[in-house]
Amino acid sequence: METSSRRTRDKGMLTIFAILSVKCMQINAFHHPYSSWFFVSTTSPSRVAPLRQRSPQLCLSSSPGNEVIGTKKKTLYSIESLLDDGDIDGALLELKRLEGGEEGPSNVGEVAAAAYHTVIEACCAGGHVQDQGRKKGENGINTRKVDLIDVAEDLLQSMNNATAHAYETVISGYARRGKWSDALQKLVLMEEEFRPIGRNKSKSDEQSVPSLNVYQAVLVACARAGQYDNVTSLLTKMRRRGVRPNVYTYNSLLNVCAKDKETRWKEALSLLSQCQREPGIDPDLVTYTTAMRACIRGRRSDKAIEIFRVVKDMGIELDVYCYTTAMDACAKGKMWKTALSILREMKEKGIEPNEVTYGVAVAACGNGGRWEKALELLDQVRTVFLDVFCLSNFNILCCS
């Protein structure tokens, strides 16, 4: 009677542990170290960010055409001050006054360029504002929301000689908002505007217009929208312009595949193949592990295990995240023997499994119907991880 009660209790704990393991995998997937290989901001746009809170790249000191003097420079600082206070309307009025030449007719080009850059950057970093136009609605005031990226687009169009910096800022703003079509269209216009003349351009010139970062932002925006045909064509186009993607470009695209709600394992394998063939690029462990995650999400555990074996044969030093990802593929594919073999291998190589690794191993045994093996693993980690694991994740499970 006591033995039966103990078995029931163990199975109950095993069930809780397996559920929490899955929950922990979801949490760790969100905070996965490889998620940091994503180079386009995923933060939703907000109101105009003060200059002091934005990155140094958005400050005046890094903008082209900022060698200005006298009263024109004071006007430029006035625009910055207004943007610091979140007053985009006031900054636009100052910019219009500066463009009108009220500060003096001589040489306002450099001032105007620097001012345009500052306001465009603020608009692209911001979100929506209330447009209180002349037309009145039912409440007496028109409160239509206007996306500041549209204001930035208007400013770009109004520049006498639009700069590459202004183009790239607007393109990146569209990409961050997920407006891949607008970003791609604006990129095409920029390519036409800054078309290379002849074949004697320096390497630095080829890399600057448009830059790799801008291409990468548009690539990721297209991938998020499932526009992989545009991803392929854009990769080809940028190579023709002498802008070569690097390993970070491919890791970013693979990361999108691994997180996509749709199954993107085919696209992930295609990107992995392109990365392997790209001249001067060596796929790293992040590349292979992210491709494995995409295959697992697409329920192709066999493909994920194939990649894992290729990485091992290449002699790349593996880490706990790669091993855990491979074991997760085994758990999804009901390959419990392979999962336990991988667990033994990582221990032999001195790589310490974490709680997620053991949770995946338990899930692999449970999915394979090997409850006795799962209970053995549970006994191994009970004293090390279980108390902290259950305490921290049970609250998360109850609140979700």
Protein backbone atom coordinates (compact mmCIF):
# COMPACT_ATOMS: atom_id res chain seq x y z
CA MET A 1 0.00 0.00 0.00
CA GLU A 2 2.85 2.34 0.94
CA THR A 3 4.73 1.46 -2.29
CA SER A 4 1.66 2.25 -4.40
CA SER A 5 1.23 5.58 -2.63
CA ARG A 6 4.89 6.43 -3.22
CA ARG A 7 4.60 5.63 -6.94
CA THR A 8 1.52 7.82 -7.20
CA ARG A 9 3.32 10.67 -5.45
CA ASP A 10 6.39 10.30 -7.67
CA LYS A 11 4.29 10.28 -10.83
CA GLY A 12 2.50 13.37 -9.60
CA MET A 13 5.78 15.17 -8.98
CA LEU A 14 7.05 13.96 -12.34
CA THR A 15 4.01 15.41 -14.09
CA ILE A 16 4.48 18.76 -12.34
CA PHE A 17 8.18 18.72 -13.17
CA ALA A 18 7.53 17.98 -16.85
CA ILE A 19 4.97 20.80 -17.08
CA LEU A 20 7.31 23.22 -15.38
CA SER A 21 10.13 22.08 -17.66
CA VAL A 22 8.11 23.04 -20.71
CA LYS A 23 7.25 26.37 -19.10
CA CYS A 24 10.87 26.97 -18.23
CA MET A 25 11.90 26.17 -21.81
CA GLN A 26 9.48 28.83 -23.01
CA ILE A 27 10.89 31.33 -20.54
CA ASN A 28 14.49 30.47 -21.39
CA ALA A 29 13.69 30.66 -25.08
CA PHE A 30 12.61 34.24 -24.49
CA HIS A 31 15.76 35.00 -22.51
CA HIS A 32 17.96 32.71 -24.57
CA PRO A 33 21.49 34.08 -24.91
CA TYR A 34 21.29 33.58 -28.66
CA SER A 35 18.29 35.91 -28.80
CA SER A 36 20.75 38.75 -28.36
CA TRP A 37 22.01 38.07 -31.88
CA PHE A 38 19.10 40.13 -33.12
CA PHE A 39 20.27 43.46 -34.29
CA VAL A 40 17.10 45.35 -35.10
CA SER A 41 15.21 46.81 -32.16
CA THR A 42 11.93 45.02 -31.44
CA THR A 43 10.72 47.69 -29.05
CA SER A 44 7.39 49.19 -29.98
CA PRO A 45 7.63 52.87 -30.90
CA SER A 46 6.76 55.31 -28.13
CA ARG A 47 6.50 59.07 -27.83
CA VAL A 48 9.41 61.23 -28.86
CA ALA A 49 12.42 60.13 -26.84
CA PRO A 50 14.56 62.91 -25.36
CA LEU A 51 17.98 63.18 -26.96
CA ARG A 52 19.71 62.30 -23.70
CA GLN A 53 17.80 58.98 -23.60
CA ARG A 54 18.55 58.02 -27.16
CA SER A 55 21.65 56.25 -28.34
CA PRO A 56 24.77 58.31 -29.12
CA GLN A 57 24.21 57.67 -32.82
CA LEU A 58 21.11 59.85 -32.63
CA CYS A 59 22.87 62.83 -31.08
CA LEU A 60 23.98 65.84 -33.04
CA SER A 61 27.64 65.09 -32.54
CA SER A 62 27.40 61.98 -34.73
CA SER A 63 25.27 63.53 -37.48
CA PRO A 64 26.89 64.60 -40.74
CA GLY A 65 27.08 68.32 -41.51
CA ASN A 66 27.31 69.61 -37.94
CA GLU A 67 30.26 71.99 -38.35
CA VAL A 68 28.15 75.07 -37.71
CA ILE A 69 28.88 78.39 -36.00
CA GLY A 70 27.25 81.52 -34.63
CA THR A 71 23.54 82.05 -34.38
CA LYS A 72 22.76 79.13 -36.64
CA LYS A 73 24.33 76.80 -34.10
CA LYS A 74 22.21 78.36 -31.35
CA THR A 75 19.09 77.65 -33.38
CA LEU A 76 20.22 74.06 -33.78
CA TYR A 77 20.65 73.72 -30.02
CA SER A 78 17.21 75.24 -29.58
CA ILE A 79 15.78 72.44 -31.72
CA GLU A 80 17.59 69.88 -29.57
CA SER A 81 16.24 71.48 -26.42
CA LEU A 82 12.68 71.31 -27.74
CA LEU A 83 13.13 67.65 -28.63
CA ASP A 84 14.48 67.01 -25.13
CA ASP A 85 11.17 68.31 -23.82
CA GLY A 86 9.24 66.14 -26.27
CA ASP A 87 7.98 69.19 -28.18
CA ILE A 88 8.09 67.90 -31.75
CA ASP A 89 5.78 70.66 -33.01
CA GLY A 90 8.07 73.36 -31.64
CA ALA A 91 11.10 71.68 -33.18
CA LEU A 92 9.35 71.54 -36.55
CA LEU A 93 8.54 75.25 -36.34
CA GLU A 94 12.16 76.07 -35.53
CA LEU A 95 13.29 73.94 -38.44
CA LYS A 96 10.88 75.73 -40.76
CA ARG A 97 12.13 79.11 -39.53
CA LEU A 98 15.72 78.03 -40.08
CA GLU A 99 14.92 76.77 -43.57
CA GLY A 100 13.30 80.11 -44.37
CA GLY A 101 16.63 81.81 -43.77
CA GLU A 102 15.51 84.10 -40.93
CA GLU A 103 18.87 83.52 -39.29
CA GLY A 104 20.59 85.04 -42.31
CA PRO A 105 20.85 84.25 -46.01
CA SER A 106 24.44 82.99 -45.98
CA ASN A 107 25.33 79.31 -45.92
CA VAL A 108 22.38 77.70 -44.13
CA GLY A 109 22.93 74.39 -45.94
CA GLU A 110 25.08 72.78 -43.26
CA VAL A 111 22.82 74.02 -40.50
CA ALA A 112 19.71 72.82 -42.30
CA ALA A 113 21.24 69.36 -42.90
CA ALA A 114 22.21 68.92 -39.25
CA ALA A 115 18.82 70.21 -38.08
CA TYR A 116 16.98 67.91 -40.46
CA HIS A 117 19.00 64.94 -39.21
CA THR A 118 18.21 65.76 -35.59
CA VAL A 119 14.46 66.10 -36.13
CA ILE A 120 14.22 63.07 -38.44
CA GLU A 121 16.06 60.95 -35.88
CA ALA A 122 13.66 62.08 -33.15
CA CYS A 123 10.63 61.29 -35.31
CA CYS A 124 11.92 57.83 -36.21
CA ALA A 125 12.66 57.09 -32.55
CA GLY A 126 9.21 58.30 -31.48
CA GLY A 127 5.76 56.81 -31.91
CA HIS A 128 2.46 58.63 -32.38
CA VAL A 129 1.32 62.16 -31.58
CA GLN A 130 -2.10 63.75 -31.45
CA ASP A 131 -2.68 65.80 -34.58
CA GLN A 132 -4.71 68.82 -33.50
CA GLY A 133 -5.34 70.23 -36.93
CA ARG A 134 -7.66 72.95 -38.12
CA LYS A 135 -10.51 70.60 -38.86
CA LYS A 136 -12.70 70.11 -35.82
CA GLY A 137 -14.44 66.89 -34.97
CA GLU A 138 -17.35 66.14 -32.69
CA ASN A 139 -15.39 67.20 -29.63
CA GLY A 140 -14.29 70.43 -31.25
CA ILE A 141 -10.72 69.23 -31.78
CA ASN A 142 -9.33 66.79 -34.28
CA THR A 143 -7.37 64.20 -32.25
CA ARG A 144 -6.28 61.95 -35.10
CA LYS A 145 -3.11 60.05 -34.25
CA VAL A 146 -0.20 60.60 -36.59
CA ASP A 147 2.80 58.28 -36.76
CA LEU A 148 5.94 60.37 -36.51
CA ILE A 149 7.59 58.24 -39.18
CA ASP A 150 5.25 59.98 -41.64
CA VAL A 151 6.56 63.33 -40.42
CA ALA A 152 10.10 62.05 -40.93
CA GLU A 153 9.18 60.98 -44.46
CA ASP A 154 7.81 64.45 -45.22
CA LEU A 155 11.01 66.03 -43.89
CA LEU A 156 13.11 63.74 -46.06
CA GLN A 157 11.12 64.74 -49.12
CA SER A 158 11.46 68.45 -48.29
CA MET A 159 15.26 68.37 -48.04
CA ASN A 160 16.93 70.11 -50.96
CA ASN A 161 19.67 67.50 -51.13
CA ALA A 162 18.62 64.44 -49.14
CA THR A 163 21.61 62.84 -47.45
CA ALA A 164 22.39 59.15 -47.04
CA HIS A 165 22.13 59.62 -43.28
CA ALA A 166 18.57 60.92 -43.58
CA TYR A 167 17.57 58.09 -45.92
CA GLU A 168 18.99 55.41 -43.67
CA THR A 169 17.32 56.86 -40.58
CA VAL A 170 13.89 56.80 -42.24
CA ILE A 171 14.43 53.30 -43.65
CA SER A 172 15.43 51.98 -40.24
CA GLY A 173 12.39 53.68 -38.70
CA TYR A 174 10.08 51.91 -41.14
CA ALA A 175 11.82 48.59 -40.48
CA ARG A 176 11.49 48.90 -36.70
CA ARG A 177 7.76 49.49 -37.10
CA GLY A 178 7.36 46.39 -39.26
CA LYS A 179 6.51 48.45 -42.34
CA TRP A 180 8.65 46.27 -44.58
CA SER A 181 7.06 47.46 -47.84
CA ASP A 182 7.74 51.13 -47.08
CA ALA A 183 11.27 50.30 -45.93
CA LEU A 184 11.98 48.30 -49.06
CA GLN A 185 10.53 50.97 -51.34
CA LYS A 186 12.58 53.69 -49.67
CA LEU A 187 15.70 51.51 -49.92
CA VAL A 188 15.17 51.15 -53.68
CA LEU A 189 14.90 54.94 -53.99
CA MET A 190 18.09 55.36 -51.99
CA GLU A 191 19.93 52.89 -54.23
CA GLU A 192 18.85 54.91 -57.25
CA GLU A 193 19.81 58.20 -55.60
CA PHE A 194 23.27 56.97 -54.58
CA ARG A 195 23.99 54.68 -57.50
CA PRO A 196 27.73 53.86 -57.76
CA ILE A 197 29.41 55.52 -60.74
CA GLY A 198 31.98 53.32 -62.41
CA ARG A 199 33.93 50.53 -60.78
CA ASN A 200 36.71 52.56 -59.20
CA LYS A 201 34.89 53.35 -56.00
CA SER A 202 36.78 52.81 -52.80
CA LYS A 203 35.86 50.02 -50.44
CA SER A 204 34.66 52.48 -47.81
CA ASP A 205 32.30 54.14 -50.29
CA GLU A 206 30.82 50.82 -51.35
CA GLN A 207 30.11 49.92 -47.75
CA SER A 208 28.55 53.25 -46.78
CA VAL A 209 25.72 53.80 -49.27
CA PRO A 210 23.51 52.08 -48.35
CA SER A 211 25.22 50.57 -45.33
CA LEU A 212 25.10 46.94 -44.24
CA ASN A 213 23.12 47.89 -41.13
CA VAL A 214 20.33 49.37 -43.25
CA TYR A 215 20.20 46.36 -45.54
CA GLN A 216 20.09 44.15 -42.47
CA ALA A 217 17.21 46.12 -40.94
CA VAL A 218 15.13 45.73 -44.12
CA LEU A 219 16.03 42.03 -44.41
CA VAL A 220 14.83 41.32 -40.89
CA ALA A 221 11.63 43.35 -41.42
CA CYS A 222 10.87 41.34 -44.55
CA ALA A 223 11.61 38.06 -42.77
CA ARG A 224 9.29 38.94 -39.91
CA ALA A 225 6.53 39.55 -42.42
CA GLY A 226 7.20 36.20 -44.09
CA GLN A 227 8.50 37.88 -47.26
CA TYR A 228 11.35 35.44 -47.84
CA ASP A 229 11.32 35.96 -51.61
CA ASN A 230 12.19 39.59 -50.94
CA VAL A 231 14.85 38.45 -48.49
CA THR A 232 16.50 36.30 -51.16
CA SER A 233 16.33 38.99 -53.84
CA LEU A 234 17.64 41.67 -51.48
CA LEU A 235 20.60 39.48 -50.48
CA THR A 236 21.43 39.09 -54.16
CA LYS A 237 21.06 42.82 -54.83
CA MET A 238 23.28 43.90 -51.97
CA ARG A 239 26.03 41.51 -53.09
CA ARG A 240 25.94 43.10 -56.54
CA ARG A 241 26.46 46.51 -54.93
CA GLY A 242 29.49 45.18 -53.10
CA VAL A 243 27.81 44.99 -49.68
CA ARG A 244 28.41 41.51 -48.30
CA PRO A 245 26.23 40.06 -45.54
CA ASN A 246 28.12 38.78 -42.52
CA VAL A 247 27.47 36.05 -39.98
CA TYR A 248 25.43 38.44 -37.83
CA THR A 249 23.11 39.09 -40.78
CA TYR A 250 22.38 35.39 -41.15
CA ASN A 251 22.06 34.86 -37.40
CA SER A 252 19.46 37.63 -37.26
CA LEU A 253 17.43 36.08 -40.08
CA LEU A 254 17.69 32.60 -38.57
CA ASN A 255 16.51 33.99 -35.26
CA VAL A 256 13.37 35.27 -36.98
CA CYS A 257 12.78 31.79 -38.43
CA ALA A 258 13.20 30.20 -35.00
CA LYS A 259 10.64 32.56 -33.43
CA ASP A 260 8.12 32.71 -36.27
CA LYS A 261 4.61 31.44 -35.54
CA GLU A 262 4.67 29.73 -38.92
CA THR A 263 6.97 26.79 -39.59
CA ARG A 264 10.07 28.24 -41.23
CA TRP A 265 12.46 25.29 -41.07
CA LYS A 266 12.84 25.19 -44.86
CA GLU A 267 13.73 28.87 -44.98
CA ALA A 268 16.14 28.34 -42.07
CA LEU A 269 17.95 25.52 -43.87
CA SER A 270 18.14 27.64 -47.02
CA LEU A 271 19.67 30.54 -45.07
CA LEU A 272 22.10 28.17 -43.37
CA SER A 273 23.17 26.83 -46.75
CA GLN A 274 23.69 30.36 -48.09
CA CYS A 275 25.74 31.28 -45.03
CA GLN A 276 27.96 28.25 -45.53
CA ARG A 277 28.56 29.21 -49.18
CA GLU A 278 29.07 32.93 -48.53
CA PRO A 279 32.70 33.90 -49.23
CA GLY A 280 34.61 34.99 -46.16
CA ILE A 281 31.95 33.82 -43.69
CA ASP A 282 32.27 30.95 -41.22
CA PRO A 283 28.97 30.03 -39.53
CA ASP A 284 29.44 29.96 -35.77
CA LEU A 285 27.79 27.94 -33.02
CA VAL A 286 25.00 30.51 -32.77
CA THR A 287 24.22 30.01 -36.46
CA TYR A 288 23.87 26.24 -36.16
CA THR A 289 22.01 26.28 -32.84
CA THR A 290 19.49 28.84 -34.11
CA ALA A 291 18.91 26.76 -37.24
CA MET A 292 18.27 23.75 -34.98
CA ARG A 293 15.70 25.74 -33.03
CA ALA A 294 13.90 26.65 -36.26
CA CYS A 295 13.76 22.98 -37.27
CA ILE A 296 12.41 21.98 -33.85
CA ARG A 297 9.71 24.63 -34.11
CA GLY A 298 8.80 23.18 -37.50
CA ARG A 299 8.58 19.67 -35.95
CA ARG A 300 11.56 18.44 -37.91
CA SER A 301 13.62 17.00 -35.08
CA ASP A 302 15.46 14.79 -37.54
CA LYS A 303 16.84 17.85 -39.34
CA ALA A 304 17.87 19.42 -36.04
CA ILE A 305 19.78 16.27 -35.02
CA GLU A 306 21.46 16.19 -38.44
CA ILE A 307 22.73 19.74 -37.89
CA PHE A 308 23.91 18.80 -34.40
CA ARG A 309 25.95 15.89 -35.75
CA VAL A 310 27.45 18.07 -38.48
CA VAL A 311 28.56 20.61 -35.88
CA LYS A 312 30.17 17.86 -33.81
CA ASP A 313 32.01 16.48 -36.86
CA MET A 314 33.31 19.99 -37.62
CA GLY A 315 35.02 20.09 -34.24
CA ILE A 316 33.26 23.23 -33.04
CA GLU A 317 33.29 23.52 -29.26
CA LEU A 318 29.72 23.04 -28.06
CA ASP A 319 28.06 24.71 -25.09
CA VAL A 320 25.19 23.84 -22.78
CA TYR A 321 22.65 25.66 -24.97
CA CYS A 322 23.55 23.68 -28.07
CA TYR A 323 23.39 20.39 -26.16
CA THR A 324 20.07 21.34 -24.58
CA THR A 325 18.64 22.32 -27.97
CA ALA A 326 19.68 18.93 -29.38
CA MET A 327 18.04 17.17 -26.43
CA ASP A 328 14.89 19.22 -26.97
CA ALA A 329 14.82 17.91 -30.54
CA CYS A 330 15.06 14.38 -29.13
CA ALA A 331 12.21 15.08 -26.71
CA LYS A 332 9.99 16.35 -29.52
CA GLY A 333 10.92 13.39 -31.72
CA LYS A 334 10.51 10.75 -28.97
CA MET A 335 14.19 9.78 -29.17
CA TRP A 336 14.79 9.23 -25.47
CA LYS A 337 17.86 7.03 -25.93
CA THR A 338 19.59 9.71 -28.01
CA ALA A 339 18.65 12.35 -25.43
CA LEU A 340 20.24 10.37 -22.60
CA SER A 341 23.29 9.70 -24.75
CA ILE A 342 23.71 13.44 -25.35
CA LEU A 343 23.30 14.09 -21.62
CA ARG A 344 26.05 11.59 -20.81
CA GLU A 345 28.30 13.06 -23.49
CA MET A 346 28.07 16.61 -22.21
CA LYS A 347 28.86 15.42 -18.67
CA GLU A 348 31.91 13.53 -19.94
CA LYS A 349 33.14 16.71 -21.65
CA GLY A 350 32.80 18.70 -18.46
CA ILE A 351 29.78 20.74 -19.54
CA GLU A 352 27.46 21.08 -16.56
CA PRO A 353 23.76 20.54 -17.40
CA ASN A 354 21.36 23.14 -16.04
CA GLU A 355 17.77 22.73 -14.85
CA VAL A 356 16.45 23.21 -18.38
CA THR A 357 18.70 20.44 -19.67
CA TYR A 358 17.39 18.00 -17.05
CA GLY A 359 13.83 19.11 -17.68
CA VAL A 360 14.21 18.34 -21.39
CA ALA A 361 15.76 14.95 -20.56
CA VAL A 362 12.79 14.14 -18.31
CA ALA A 363 10.39 15.19 -21.06
CA ALA A 364 12.25 13.01 -23.58
CA CYS A 365 11.92 9.95 -21.35
CA GLY A 366 8.29 10.72 -20.60
CA ASN A 367 7.43 11.17 -24.29
CA GLY A 368 9.13 7.87 -25.00
CA GLY A 369 7.10 6.07 -22.33
CA ARG A 370 10.16 5.41 -20.17
CA TRP A 371 8.79 6.61 -16.86
CA GLU A 372 11.32 4.66 -14.81
CA LYS A 373 14.17 6.53 -16.54
CA ALA A 374 12.36 9.78 -16.00
CA LEU A 375 12.01 9.02 -12.29
CA GLU A 376 15.72 8.24 -12.07
CA LEU A 377 16.55 11.63 -13.57
CA LEU A 378 14.08 13.26 -11.21
CA ASP A 379 15.89 11.69 -8.24
CA GLN A 380 19.23 12.98 -9.59
CA VAL A 381 18.14 16.58 -9.78
CA ARG A 382 15.69 16.64 -6.87
CA THR A 383 18.21 17.86 -4.32
CA VAL A 384 20.05 20.17 -6.70
CA PHE A 385 17.38 21.95 -8.72
CA LEU A 386 13.89 20.89 -7.74
CA ASP A 387 13.27 23.16 -4.71
CA VAL A 388 14.40 26.32 -6.48
CA PHE A 389 12.92 25.17 -9.79
CA CYS A 390 9.46 24.49 -8.39
CA LEU A 391 9.41 27.58 -6.18
CA SER A 392 10.36 29.99 -8.98
CA ASN A 393 8.34 28.47 -11.79
CA PHE A 394 5.20 27.37 -9.97
CA ASN A 395 4.28 31.01 -9.33
CA ILE A 396 4.89 31.79 -13.02
CA LEU A 397 2.74 28.81 -14.04
CA CYS A 398 -0.11 29.90 -11.76
CA CYS A 399 -0.01 33.53 -12.92
CA SER A 400 0.09 32.76 -16.66
